Amino acid sequence: MQCMHYKTEHTDQHYERVVYSKTPLYGPWAGWRMAEKDLVSPDGDRISPHRLRGLLWVERAKARIHGSKRDRTMRRDLVAIIPARERLTGQA
């Protein structure tokens, strides 16, 4: 029997979602689910919102560090190096 409010949801799934706050996820997160505030892996490992925020902060910091190194390398490539015999040393 299907849930009367959510036609695609089976009664057992509705019970799990309403009573235990277990929500399945789809797409690239297939197999994962939400249980209350935690993200639960298919293996049963839980990630709290606080921990997930910390993991994302670390990833952003790494990207920022690698991005700044890439920017420095690109800036160095943009600098024209003039051979010594062609340098202008204030002589006209």
C-alpha atoms as a PDB file:
ATOM      1  CA  MET A   1       0.000   0.000   0.000  1.00  0.00           C
ATOM      2  CA  GLN A   2       1.247   3.487  -0.849  1.00  0.00           C
ATOM      3  CA  CYS A   3       1.224   6.572   1.337  1.00  0.00           C
ATOM      4  CA  MET A   4      -1.776   8.801   0.652  1.00  0.00           C
ATOM      5  CA  HIS A   5       0.271  12.025   0.823  1.00  0.00           C
ATOM      6  CA  TYR A   6       3.340  10.876  -1.082  1.00  0.00           C
ATOM      7  CA  LYS A   7       2.083   8.615  -3.876  1.00  0.00           C
ATOM      8  CA  THR A   8       5.562   7.318  -4.766  1.00  0.00           C
ATOM      9  CA  GLU A   9       6.409   6.328  -1.209  1.00  0.00           C
ATOM     10  CA  HIS A  10       5.477   2.913   0.176  1.00  0.00           C
ATOM     11  CA  THR A  11       3.815   2.796   3.612  1.00  0.00           C
ATOM     12  CA  ASP A  12       6.897   1.238   5.224  1.00  0.00           C
ATOM     13  CA  GLN A  13       9.127   3.952   3.733  1.00  0.00           C
ATOM     14  CA  HIS A  14       6.725   6.619   4.976  1.00  0.00           C
ATOM     15  CA  TYR A  15       6.807   5.111   8.472  1.00  0.00           C
ATOM     16  CA  GLU A  16      10.626   5.100   8.495  1.00  0.00           C
ATOM     17  CA  ARG A  17      10.730   8.713   7.295  1.00  0.00           C
ATOM     18  CA  VAL A  18       8.131  10.075   9.723  1.00  0.00           C
ATOM     19  CA  VAL A  19       8.909   8.028  12.845  1.00  0.00           C
ATOM     20  CA  TYR A  20      12.690   7.576  12.569  1.00  0.00           C
ATOM     21  CA  SER A  21      13.533  10.588  10.340  1.00  0.00           C
ATOM     22  CA  LYS A  22      15.239   8.268   7.833  1.00  0.00           C
ATOM     23  CA  THR A  23      15.295   9.837   4.378  1.00  0.00           C
ATOM     24  CA  PRO A  24      16.955   8.013   1.449  1.00  0.00           C
ATOM     25  CA  LEU A  25      19.094  10.040  -0.972  1.00  0.00           C
ATOM     26  CA  TYR A  26      19.257   9.679  -4.754  1.00  0.00           C
ATOM     27  CA  GLY A  27      21.651  10.289  -7.659  1.00  0.00           C
ATOM     28  CA  PRO A  28      25.356  10.243  -6.721  1.00  0.00           C
ATOM     29  CA  TRP A  29      24.276   9.836  -3.077  1.00  0.00           C
ATOM     30  CA  ALA A  30      22.322   6.628  -3.787  1.00  0.00           C
ATOM     31  CA  GLY A  31      22.707   4.235  -0.874  1.00  0.00           C
ATOM     32  CA  TRP A  32      23.302   7.082   1.570  1.00  0.00           C
ATOM     33  CA  ARG A  33      20.479   8.341   3.745  1.00  0.00           C
ATOM     34  CA  MET A  34      19.623  11.037   6.253  1.00  0.00           C
ATOM     35  CA  ALA A  35      18.875   9.865   9.795  1.00  0.00           C
ATOM     36  CA  GLU A  36      17.826  12.835  11.882  1.00  0.00           C
ATOM     37  CA  LYS A  37      20.646  15.371  11.378  1.00  0.00           C
ATOM     38  CA  ASP A  38      23.320  12.850  10.412  1.00  0.00           C
ATOM     39  CA  LEU A  39      24.332  11.695   6.954  1.00  0.00           C
ATOM     40  CA  VAL A  40      24.643   7.885   7.048  1.00  0.00           C
ATOM     41  CA  SER A  41      26.792   5.917   4.594  1.00  0.00           C
ATOM     42  CA  PRO A  42      25.749   2.532   3.173  1.00  0.00           C
ATOM     43  CA  ASP A  43      28.228   0.981   5.651  1.00  0.00           C
ATOM     44  CA  GLY A  44      26.439   2.640   8.574  1.00  0.00           C
ATOM     45  CA  ASP A  45      29.065   5.318   9.287  1.00  0.00           C
ATOM     46  CA  ARG A  46      27.529   8.611  10.433  1.00  0.00           C
ATOM     47  CA  ILE A  47      28.701  12.124   9.622  1.00  0.00           C
ATOM     48  CA  SER A  48      27.318  14.919  11.773  1.00  0.00           C
ATOM     49  CA  PRO A  49      26.634  18.349  10.233  1.00  0.00           C
ATOM     50  CA  HIS A  50      29.476  19.803  12.315  1.00  0.00           C
ATOM     51  CA  ARG A  51      31.951  17.205  11.010  1.00  0.00           C
ATOM     52  CA  LEU A  52      30.755  17.664   7.431  1.00  0.00           C
ATOM     53  CA  ARG A  53      31.238  21.433   7.747  1.00  0.00           C
ATOM     54  CA  GLY A  54      34.798  20.777   8.972  1.00  0.00           C
ATOM     55  CA  LEU A  55      35.564  18.469   6.041  1.00  0.00           C
ATOM     56  CA  LEU A  56      34.263  21.035   3.568  1.00  0.00           C
ATOM     57  CA  TRP A  57      36.302  23.791   5.260  1.00  0.00           C
ATOM     58  CA  VAL A  58      39.483  21.718   4.854  1.00  0.00           C
ATOM     59  CA  GLU A  59      38.701  21.088   1.167  1.00  0.00           C
ATOM     60  CA  ARG A  60      38.119  24.812   0.562  1.00  0.00           C
ATOM     61  CA  ALA A  61      41.394  25.662   2.335  1.00  0.00           C
ATOM     62  CA  LYS A  62      43.326  23.155   0.204  1.00  0.00           C
ATOM     63  CA  ALA A  63      41.752  24.545  -2.967  1.00  0.00           C
ATOM     64  CA  ARG A  64      42.628  28.080  -1.889  1.00  0.00           C
ATOM     65  CA  ILE A  65      46.261  27.091  -1.211  1.00  0.00           C
ATOM     66  CA  HIS A  66      46.615  25.242  -4.518  1.00  0.00           C
ATOM     67  CA  GLY A  67      44.837  28.079  -6.314  1.00  0.00           C
ATOM     68  CA  SER A  68      47.289  30.668  -4.959  1.00  0.00           C
ATOM     69  CA  LYS A  69      50.257  28.529  -6.078  1.00  0.00           C
ATOM     70  CA  ARG A  70      48.706  28.258  -9.533  1.00  0.00           C
ATOM     71  CA  ASP A  71      48.165  32.039  -9.651  1.00  0.00           C
ATOM     72  CA  ARG A  72      51.807  32.697  -8.700  1.00  0.00           C
ATOM     73  CA  THR A  73      52.999  30.327 -11.433  1.00  0.00           C
ATOM     74  CA  MET A  74      50.761  32.007 -13.982  1.00  0.00           C
ATOM     75  CA  ARG A  75      51.980  35.470 -12.952  1.00  0.00           C
ATOM     76  CA  ARG A  76      55.603  34.349 -13.340  1.00  0.00           C
ATOM     77  CA  ASP A  77      54.798  33.155 -16.872  1.00  0.00           C
ATOM     78  CA  LEU A  78      53.354  36.574 -17.718  1.00  0.00           C
ATOM     79  CA  VAL A  79      56.545  38.451 -16.754  1.00  0.00           C
ATOM     80  CA  ALA A  80      58.740  39.163 -19.761  1.00  0.00           C
ATOM     81  CA  ILE A  81      62.422  38.432 -19.104  1.00  0.00           C
ATOM     82  CA  ILE A  82      64.621  40.784 -21.087  1.00  0.00           C
ATOM     83  CA  PRO A  83      68.185  39.704 -21.889  1.00  0.00           C
ATOM     84  CA  ALA A  84      70.915  41.775 -20.181  1.00  0.00           C
ATOM     85  CA  ARG A  85      72.079  43.475 -23.382  1.00  0.00           C
ATOM     86  CA  GLU A  86      68.573  44.857 -24.023  1.00  0.00           C
ATOM     87  CA  ARG A  87      67.879  46.234 -20.550  1.00  0.00           C
ATOM     88  CA  LEU A  88      67.202  49.899 -20.290  1.00  0.00           C
ATOM     89  CA  THR A  89      69.175  51.322 -17.389  1.00  0.00           C
ATOM     90  CA  GLY A  90      68.050  54.915 -17.588  1.00  0.00           C
ATOM     91  CA  GLN A  91      70.055  55.645 -20.748  1.00  0.00           C
ATOM     92  CA  ALA A  92      68.352  57.327 -23.625  1.00  0.00           C
END
